[in-house]
Amino acid sequence: MADVLIRNLSEDLVAKLKARAAGNNRSLQAELTSILTAAVKPTLEEWWAEAAAFRERSKEWNITDDSTDLIREDRDSR
């Protein structure tokens, strides 16, 4: 895993982060990891845009919701 060093944080900010970590029963490192992880998660709008793009890409895969033909083909091949 990589390390990140953040310099020149105010004592007040560090105290608030430590208090937040304690309130969540986490170490300061775990709290900062949680904060940073949440910060880079896609927004709901980004998620829906990615889902729409995936749907567009998957149209060419010729996937159907009805498996009847596949089941019939499998049964007929026996």
PDB file of N, CA and C in Angstrom:
ATOM      1  N   MET A   1       0.838  -1.181   0.000  1.00  0.00           N
ATOM      2  CA  MET A   1       0.000   0.000   0.000  1.00  0.00           C
ATOM      3  C   MET A   1       0.883   1.243   0.000  1.00  0.00           C
ATOM      4  N   ALA A   2       0.336   2.288  -0.545  1.00  0.00           N
ATOM      5  CA  ALA A   2       1.071   3.545  -0.627  1.00  0.00           C
ATOM      6  C   ALA A   2       0.884   4.359   0.651  1.00  0.00           C
ATOM      7  N   ASP A   3       1.810   5.250   0.869  1.00  0.00           N
ATOM      8  CA  ASP A   3       1.731   6.176   1.995  1.00  0.00           C
ATOM      9  C   ASP A   3       1.508   7.578   1.457  1.00  0.00           C
ATOM     10  N   VAL A   4       0.774   8.377   2.226  1.00  0.00           N
ATOM     11  CA  VAL A   4       0.532   9.775   1.879  1.00  0.00           C
ATOM     12  C   VAL A   4       0.898  10.611   3.096  1.00  0.00           C
ATOM     13  N   LEU A   5       1.627  11.669   2.862  1.00  0.00           N
ATOM     14  CA  LEU A   5       2.020  12.569   3.940  1.00  0.00           C
ATOM     15  C   LEU A   5       1.378  13.923   3.686  1.00  0.00           C
ATOM     16  N   ILE A   6       0.648  14.422   4.663  1.00  0.00           N
ATOM     17  CA  ILE A   6       0.019  15.738   4.545  1.00  0.00           C
ATOM     18  C   ILE A   6       0.675  16.643   5.572  1.00  0.00           C
ATOM     19  N   ARG A   7       1.293  17.682   5.099  1.00  0.00           N
ATOM     20  CA  ARG A   7       2.019  18.598   5.983  1.00  0.00           C
ATOM     21  C   ARG A   7       1.168  19.815   6.337  1.00  0.00           C
ATOM     22  N   ASN A   8       1.571  20.443   7.413  1.00  0.00           N
ATOM     23  CA  ASN A   8       1.040  21.745   7.819  1.00  0.00           C
ATOM     24  C   ASN A   8      -0.459  21.747   8.111  1.00  0.00           C
ATOM     25  N   LEU A   9      -0.948  20.702   8.755  1.00  0.00           N
ATOM     26  CA  LEU A   9      -2.333  20.710   9.213  1.00  0.00           C
ATOM     27  C   LEU A   9      -2.393  21.468  10.533  1.00  0.00           C
ATOM     28  N   SER A  10      -3.458  22.197  10.721  1.00  0.00           N
ATOM     29  CA  SER A  10      -3.586  22.938  11.975  1.00  0.00           C
ATOM     30  C   SER A  10      -3.855  21.964  13.123  1.00  0.00           C
ATOM     31  N   GLU A  11      -3.439  22.361  14.300  1.00  0.00           N
ATOM     32  CA  GLU A  11      -3.675  21.533  15.487  1.00  0.00           C
ATOM     33  C   GLU A  11      -5.172  21.333  15.697  1.00  0.00           C
ATOM     34  N   ASP A  12      -5.949  22.361  15.399  1.00  0.00           N
ATOM     35  CA  ASP A  12      -7.402  22.283  15.559  1.00  0.00           C
ATOM     36  C   ASP A  12      -7.992  21.222  14.627  1.00  0.00           C
ATOM     37  N   LEU A  13      -7.551  21.205  13.384  1.00  0.00           N
ATOM     38  CA  LEU A  13      -8.047  20.222  12.427  1.00  0.00           C
ATOM     39  C   LEU A  13      -7.685  18.808  12.869  1.00  0.00           C
ATOM     40  N   VAL A  14      -6.469  18.614  13.300  1.00  0.00           N
ATOM     41  CA  VAL A  14      -6.031  17.290  13.749  1.00  0.00           C
ATOM     42  C   VAL A  14      -6.846  16.855  14.967  1.00  0.00           C
ATOM     43  N   ALA A  15      -7.104  17.783  15.873  1.00  0.00           N
ATOM     44  CA  ALA A  15      -7.905  17.461  17.060  1.00  0.00           C
ATOM     45  C   ALA A  15      -9.321  17.052  16.657  1.00  0.00           C
ATOM     46  N   LYS A  16      -9.901  17.760  15.696  1.00  0.00           N
ATOM     47  CA  LYS A  16     -11.248  17.422  15.225  1.00  0.00           C
ATOM     48  C   LYS A  16     -11.266  16.059  14.539  1.00  0.00           C
ATOM     49  N   LEU A  17     -10.234  15.778  13.768  1.00  0.00           N
ATOM     50  CA  LEU A  17     -10.154  14.478  13.099  1.00  0.00           C
ATOM     51  C   LEU A  17      -9.996  13.346  14.116  1.00  0.00           C
ATOM     52  N   LYS A  18      -9.190  13.582  15.137  1.00  0.00           N
ATOM     53  CA  LYS A  18      -9.016  12.573  16.187  1.00  0.00           C
ATOM     54  C   LYS A  18     -10.325  12.347  16.934  1.00  0.00           C
ATOM     55  N   ALA A  19     -11.052  13.424  17.209  1.00  0.00           N
ATOM     56  CA  ALA A  19     -12.337  13.295  17.901  1.00  0.00           C
ATOM     57  C   ALA A  19     -13.339  12.535  17.028  1.00  0.00           C
ATOM     58  N   ARG A  20     -13.333  12.836  15.753  1.00  0.00           N
ATOM     59  CA  ARG A  20     -14.224  12.124  14.824  1.00  0.00           C
ATOM     60  C   ARG A  20     -13.867  10.644  14.781  1.00  0.00           C
ATOM     61  N   ALA A  21     -12.578  10.351  14.735  1.00  0.00           N
ATOM     62  CA  ALA A  21     -12.124   8.959  14.719  1.00  0.00           C
ATOM     63  C   ALA A  21     -12.564   8.245  15.991  1.00  0.00           C
ATOM     64  N   ALA A  22     -12.383   8.891  17.119  1.00  0.00           N
ATOM     65  CA  ALA A  22     -12.785   8.286  18.394  1.00  0.00           C
ATOM     66  C   ALA A  22     -14.294   8.052  18.422  1.00  0.00           C
ATOM     67  N   GLY A  23     -15.046   8.999  17.894  1.00  0.00           N
ATOM     68  CA  GLY A  23     -16.501   8.853  17.848  1.00  0.00           C
ATOM     69  C   GLY A  23     -16.952   7.699  16.975  1.00  0.00           C
ATOM     70  N   ASN A  24     -16.129   7.339  16.017  1.00  0.00           N
ATOM     71  CA  ASN A  24     -16.437   6.213  15.122  1.00  0.00           C
ATOM     72  C   ASN A  24     -15.688   4.942  15.515  1.00  0.00           C
ATOM     73  N   ASN A  25     -15.069   4.975  16.695  1.00  0.00           N
ATOM     74  CA  ASN A  25     -14.298   3.823  17.194  1.00  0.00           C
ATOM     75  C   ASN A  25     -13.241   3.364  16.201  1.00  0.00           C
ATOM     76  N   ARG A  26     -12.529   4.336  15.636  1.00  0.00           N
ATOM     77  CA  ARG A  26     -11.475   4.027  14.676  1.00  0.00           C
ATOM     78  C   ARG A  26     -10.207   4.770  15.058  1.00  0.00           C
ATOM     79  N   SER A  27      -9.116   4.276  14.530  1.00  0.00           N
ATOM     80  CA  SER A  27      -7.860   5.009  14.672  1.00  0.00           C
ATOM     81  C   SER A  27      -7.913   6.220  13.744  1.00  0.00           C
ATOM     82  N   LEU A  28      -7.012   7.146  13.959  1.00  0.00           N
ATOM     83  CA  LEU A  28      -6.949   8.316  13.082  1.00  0.00           C
ATOM     84  C   LEU A  28      -6.676   7.872  11.647  1.00  0.00           C
ATOM     85  N   GLN A  29      -5.784   6.924  11.480  1.00  0.00           N
ATOM     86  CA  GLN A  29      -5.474   6.430  10.135  1.00  0.00           C
ATOM     87  C   GLN A  29      -6.706   5.812   9.479  1.00  0.00           C
ATOM     88  N   ALA A  30      -7.446   5.002  10.217  1.00  0.00           N
ATOM     89  CA  ALA A  30      -8.650   4.380   9.660  1.00  0.00           C
ATOM     90  C   ALA A  30      -9.700   5.435   9.323  1.00  0.00           C
ATOM     91  N   GLU A  31      -9.809   6.449  10.155  1.00  0.00           N
ATOM     92  CA  GLU A  31     -10.776   7.522   9.893  1.00  0.00           C
ATOM     93  C   GLU A  31     -10.397   8.293   8.636  1.00  0.00           C
ATOM     94  N   LEU A  32      -9.126   8.617   8.502  1.00  0.00           N
ATOM     95  CA  LEU A  32      -8.674   9.338   7.311  1.00  0.00           C
ATOM     96  C   LEU A  32      -8.858   8.490   6.052  1.00  0.00           C
ATOM     97  N   THR A  33      -8.612   7.200   6.163  1.00  0.00           N
ATOM     98  CA  THR A  33      -8.839   6.304   5.029  1.00  0.00           C
ATOM     99  C   THR A  33     -10.309   6.303   4.645  1.00  0.00           C
ATOM    100  N   SER A  34     -11.184   6.265   5.639  1.00  0.00           N
ATOM    101  CA  SER A  34     -12.620   6.289   5.384  1.00  0.00           C
ATOM    102  C   SER A  34     -13.041   7.591   4.704  1.00  0.00           C
ATOM    103  N   ILE A  35     -12.531   8.700   5.194  1.00  0.00           N
ATOM    104  CA  ILE A  35     -12.862  10.010   4.618  1.00  0.00           C
ATOM    105  C   ILE A  35     -12.392  10.090   3.169  1.00  0.00           C
ATOM    106  N   LEU A  36     -11.168   9.671   2.919  1.00  0.00           N
ATOM    107  CA  LEU A  36     -10.629   9.744   1.559  1.00  0.00           C
ATOM    108  C   LEU A  36     -11.340   8.781   0.612  1.00  0.00           C
ATOM    109  N   THR A  37     -11.689   7.607   1.106  1.00  0.00           N
ATOM    110  CA  THR A  37     -12.418   6.638   0.284  1.00  0.00           C
ATOM    111  C   THR A  37     -13.777   7.199  -0.116  1.00  0.00           C
ATOM    112  N   ALA A  38     -14.471   7.800   0.835  1.00  0.00           N
ATOM    113  CA  ALA A  38     -15.780   8.394   0.542  1.00  0.00           C
ATOM    114  C   ALA A  38     -15.646   9.561  -0.438  1.00  0.00           C
ATOM    115  N   ALA A  39     -14.547  10.280  -0.349  1.00  0.00           N
ATOM    116  CA  ALA A  39     -14.354  11.454  -1.205  1.00  0.00           C
ATOM    117  C   ALA A  39     -14.191  11.090  -2.676  1.00  0.00           C
ATOM    118  N   VAL A  40     -13.700   9.897  -2.961  1.00  0.00           N
ATOM    119  CA  VAL A  40     -13.470   9.527  -4.360  1.00  0.00           C
ATOM    120  C   VAL A  40     -14.546   8.602  -4.918  1.00  0.00           C
ATOM    121  N   LYS A  41     -15.543   8.259  -4.111  1.00  0.00           N
ATOM    122  CA  LYS A  41     -16.649   7.454  -4.625  1.00  0.00           C
ATOM    123  C   LYS A  41     -17.419   8.276  -5.649  1.00  0.00           C
ATOM    124  N   PRO A  42     -17.925   7.610  -6.678  1.00  0.00           N
ATOM    125  CA  PRO A  42     -18.693   8.370  -7.671  1.00  0.00           C
ATOM    126  C   PRO A  42     -19.993   8.902  -7.062  1.00  0.00           C
ATOM    127  N   THR A  43     -20.415  10.046  -7.560  1.00  0.00           N
ATOM    128  CA  THR A  43     -21.695  10.592  -7.128  1.00  0.00           C
ATOM    129  C   THR A  43     -22.802   9.736  -7.730  1.00  0.00           C
ATOM    130  N   LEU A  44     -24.008   9.931  -7.252  1.00  0.00           N
ATOM    131  CA  LEU A  44     -25.138   9.182  -7.789  1.00  0.00           C
ATOM    132  C   LEU A  44     -25.305   9.459  -9.287  1.00  0.00           C
ATOM    133  N   GLU A  45     -25.121  10.705  -9.678  1.00  0.00           N
ATOM    134  CA  GLU A  45     -25.235  11.063 -11.094  1.00  0.00           C
ATOM    135  C   GLU A  45     -24.162  10.361 -11.920  1.00  0.00           C
ATOM    136  N   GLU A  46     -22.940  10.309 -11.396  1.00  0.00           N
ATOM    137  CA  GLU A  46     -21.858   9.616 -12.105  1.00  0.00           C
ATOM    138  C   GLU A  46     -22.150   8.121 -12.209  1.00  0.00           C
ATOM    139  N   TRP A  47     -22.703   7.552 -11.141  1.00  0.00           N
ATOM    140  CA  TRP A  47     -23.023   6.129 -11.144  1.00  0.00           C
ATOM    141  C   TRP A  47     -24.064   5.820 -12.211  1.00  0.00           C
ATOM    142  N   TRP A  48     -25.124   6.647 -12.274  1.00  0.00           N
ATOM    143  CA  TRP A  48     -26.170   6.425 -13.273  1.00  0.00           C
ATOM    144  C   TRP A  48     -25.625   6.617 -14.684  1.00  0.00           C
ATOM    145  N   ALA A  49     -24.741   7.578 -14.868  1.00  0.00           N
ATOM    146  CA  ALA A  49     -24.145   7.794 -16.188  1.00  0.00           C
ATOM    147  C   ALA A  49     -23.319   6.580 -16.602  1.00  0.00           C
ATOM    148  N   GLU A  50     -22.569   6.017 -15.669  1.00  0.00           N
ATOM    149  CA  GLU A  50     -21.780   4.821 -15.967  1.00  0.00           C
ATOM    150  C   GLU A  50     -22.695   3.634 -16.265  1.00  0.00           C
ATOM    151  N   ALA A  51     -23.795   3.515 -15.527  1.00  0.00           N
ATOM    152  CA  ALA A  51     -24.751   2.431 -15.777  1.00  0.00           C
ATOM    153  C   ALA A  51     -25.362   2.570 -17.172  1.00  0.00           C
ATOM    154  N   ALA A  52     -25.699   3.796 -17.558  1.00  0.00           N
ATOM    155  CA  ALA A  52     -26.266   4.025 -18.893  1.00  0.00           C
ATOM    156  C   ALA A  52     -25.246   3.682 -19.971  1.00  0.00           C
ATOM    157  N   ALA A  53     -24.003   4.060 -19.760  1.00  0.00           N
ATOM    158  CA  ALA A  53     -22.952   3.742 -20.731  1.00  0.00           C
ATOM    159  C   ALA A  53     -22.763   2.230 -20.832  1.00  0.00           C
ATOM    160  N   PHE A  54     -22.834   1.541 -19.704  1.00  0.00           N
ATOM    161  CA  PHE A  54     -22.704   0.086 -19.713  1.00  0.00           C
ATOM    162  C   PHE A  54     -23.860  -0.554 -20.480  1.00  0.00           C
ATOM    163  N   ARG A  55     -25.072  -0.044 -20.252  1.00  0.00           N
ATOM    164  CA  ARG A  55     -26.225  -0.577 -20.982  1.00  0.00           C
ATOM    165  C   ARG A  55     -26.038  -0.407 -22.488  1.00  0.00           C
ATOM    166  N   GLU A  56     -25.528   0.739 -22.896  1.00  0.00           N
ATOM    167  CA  GLU A  56     -25.290   0.975 -24.324  1.00  0.00           C
ATOM    168  C   GLU A  56     -24.256  -0.007 -24.869  1.00  0.00           C
ATOM    169  N   ARG A  57     -23.170  -0.197 -24.126  1.00  0.00           N
ATOM    170  CA  ARG A  57     -22.125  -1.127 -24.582  1.00  0.00           C
ATOM    171  C   ARG A  57     -22.641  -2.558 -24.635  1.00  0.00           C
ATOM    172  N   SER A  58     -23.524  -2.912 -23.709  1.00  0.00           N
ATOM    173  CA  SER A  58     -23.975  -4.303 -23.630  1.00  0.00           C
ATOM    174  C   SER A  58     -25.050  -4.643 -24.656  1.00  0.00           C
ATOM    175  N   LYS A  59     -25.604  -3.655 -25.331  1.00  0.00           N
ATOM    176  CA  LYS A  59     -26.636  -3.932 -26.338  1.00  0.00           C
ATOM    177  C   LYS A  59     -26.109  -4.837 -27.441  1.00  0.00           C
ATOM    178  N   GLU A  60     -24.850  -4.696 -27.783  1.00  0.00           N
ATOM    179  CA  GLU A  60     -24.275  -5.500 -28.861  1.00  0.00           C
ATOM    180  C   GLU A  60     -23.980  -6.933 -28.432  1.00  0.00           C
ATOM    181  N   TRP A  61     -24.145  -7.245 -27.174  1.00  0.00           N
ATOM    182  CA  TRP A  61     -23.861  -8.596 -26.689  1.00  0.00           C
ATOM    183  C   TRP A  61     -24.991  -9.569 -27.000  1.00  0.00           C
ATOM    184  N   ASN A  62     -26.117  -9.067 -27.463  1.00  0.00           N
ATOM    185  CA  ASN A  62     -27.263  -9.895 -27.842  1.00  0.00           C
ATOM    186  C   ASN A  62     -27.751 -10.754 -26.673  1.00  0.00           C
ATOM    187  N   ILE A  63     -27.912 -10.121 -25.549  1.00  0.00           N
ATOM    188  CA  ILE A  63     -28.414 -10.810 -24.359  1.00  0.00           C
ATOM    189  C   ILE A  63     -29.910 -10.548 -24.262  1.00  0.00           C
ATOM    190  N   THR A  64     -30.662 -11.597 -24.025  1.00  0.00           N
ATOM    191  CA  THR A  64     -32.107 -11.433 -23.863  1.00  0.00           C
ATOM    192  C   THR A  64     -32.498 -11.803 -22.442  1.00  0.00           C
ATOM    193  N   ASP A  65     -33.613 -11.268 -22.018  1.00  0.00           N
ATOM    194  CA  ASP A  65     -34.119 -11.597 -20.688  1.00  0.00           C
ATOM    195  C   ASP A  65     -34.819 -12.950 -20.681  1.00  0.00           C
ATOM    196  N   ASP A  66     -35.258 -13.396 -21.857  1.00  0.00           N
ATOM    197  CA  ASP A  66     -36.006 -14.642 -21.956  1.00  0.00           C
ATOM    198  C   ASP A  66     -35.045 -15.785 -22.277  1.00  0.00           C
ATOM    199  N   SER A  67     -34.947 -16.726 -21.374  1.00  0.00           N
ATOM    200  CA  SER A  67     -34.021 -17.846 -21.556  1.00  0.00           C
ATOM    201  C   SER A  67     -34.687 -19.053 -22.213  1.00  0.00           C
ATOM    202  N   THR A  68     -35.923 -18.905 -22.642  1.00  0.00           N
ATOM    203  CA  THR A  68     -36.663 -20.028 -23.219  1.00  0.00           C
ATOM    204  C   THR A  68     -35.925 -20.652 -24.392  1.00  0.00           C
ATOM    205  N   ASP A  69     -35.440 -19.813 -25.302  1.00  0.00           N
ATOM    206  CA  ASP A  69     -34.738 -20.337 -26.477  1.00  0.00           C
ATOM    207  C   ASP A  69     -33.473 -21.092 -26.084  1.00  0.00           C
ATOM    208  N   LEU A  70     -32.757 -20.580 -25.113  1.00  0.00           N
ATOM    209  CA  LEU A  70     -31.535 -21.257 -24.668  1.00  0.00           C
ATOM    210  C   LEU A  70     -31.845 -22.603 -24.021  1.00  0.00           C
ATOM    211  N   ILE A  71     -32.889 -22.652 -23.230  1.00  0.00           N
ATOM    212  CA  ILE A  71     -33.276 -23.910 -22.584  1.00  0.00           C
ATOM    213  C   ILE A  71     -33.724 -24.921 -23.636  1.00  0.00           C
ATOM    214  N   ARG A  72     -34.526 -24.466 -24.601  1.00  0.00           N
ATOM    215  CA  ARG A  72     -34.999 -25.355 -25.660  1.00  0.00           C
ATOM    216  C   ARG A  72     -33.818 -25.892 -26.464  1.00  0.00           C
ATOM    217  N   GLU A  73     -32.886 -25.026 -26.803  1.00  0.00           N
ATOM    218  CA  GLU A  73     -31.709 -25.441 -27.566  1.00  0.00           C
ATOM    219  C   GLU A  73     -30.901 -26.477 -26.792  1.00  0.00           C
ATOM    220  N   ASP A  74     -30.752 -26.263 -25.502  1.00  0.00           N
ATOM    221  CA  ASP A  74     -30.008 -27.208 -24.674  1.00  0.00           C
ATOM    222  C   ASP A  74     -30.722 -28.556 -24.609  1.00  0.00           C
ATOM    223  N   ARG A  75     -32.024 -28.532 -24.429  1.00  0.00           N
ATOM    224  CA  ARG A  75     -32.790 -29.784 -24.348  1.00  0.00           C
ATOM    225  C   ARG A  75     -32.759 -30.540 -25.671  1.00  0.00           C
ATOM    226  N   ASP A  76     -32.851 -29.802 -26.774  1.00  0.00           N
ATOM    227  CA  ASP A  76     -32.855 -30.444 -28.086  1.00  0.00           C
ATOM    228  C   ASP A  76     -31.504 -31.053 -28.436  1.00  0.00           C
ATOM    229  N   SER A  77     -30.448 -30.565 -27.816  1.00  0.00           N
ATOM    230  CA  SER A  77     -29.115 -31.079 -28.141  1.00  0.00           C
ATOM    231  C   SER A  77     -28.804 -32.388 -27.418  1.00  0.00           C
ATOM    232  N   ARG A  78     -29.661 -32.812 -26.526  1.00  0.00           N
ATOM    233  CA  ARG A  78     -29.412 -34.048 -25.760  1.00  0.00           C
ATOM    234  C   ARG A  78     -29.894 -35.265 -26.492  1.00  0.00           C
TER     235      ARG A  78
END
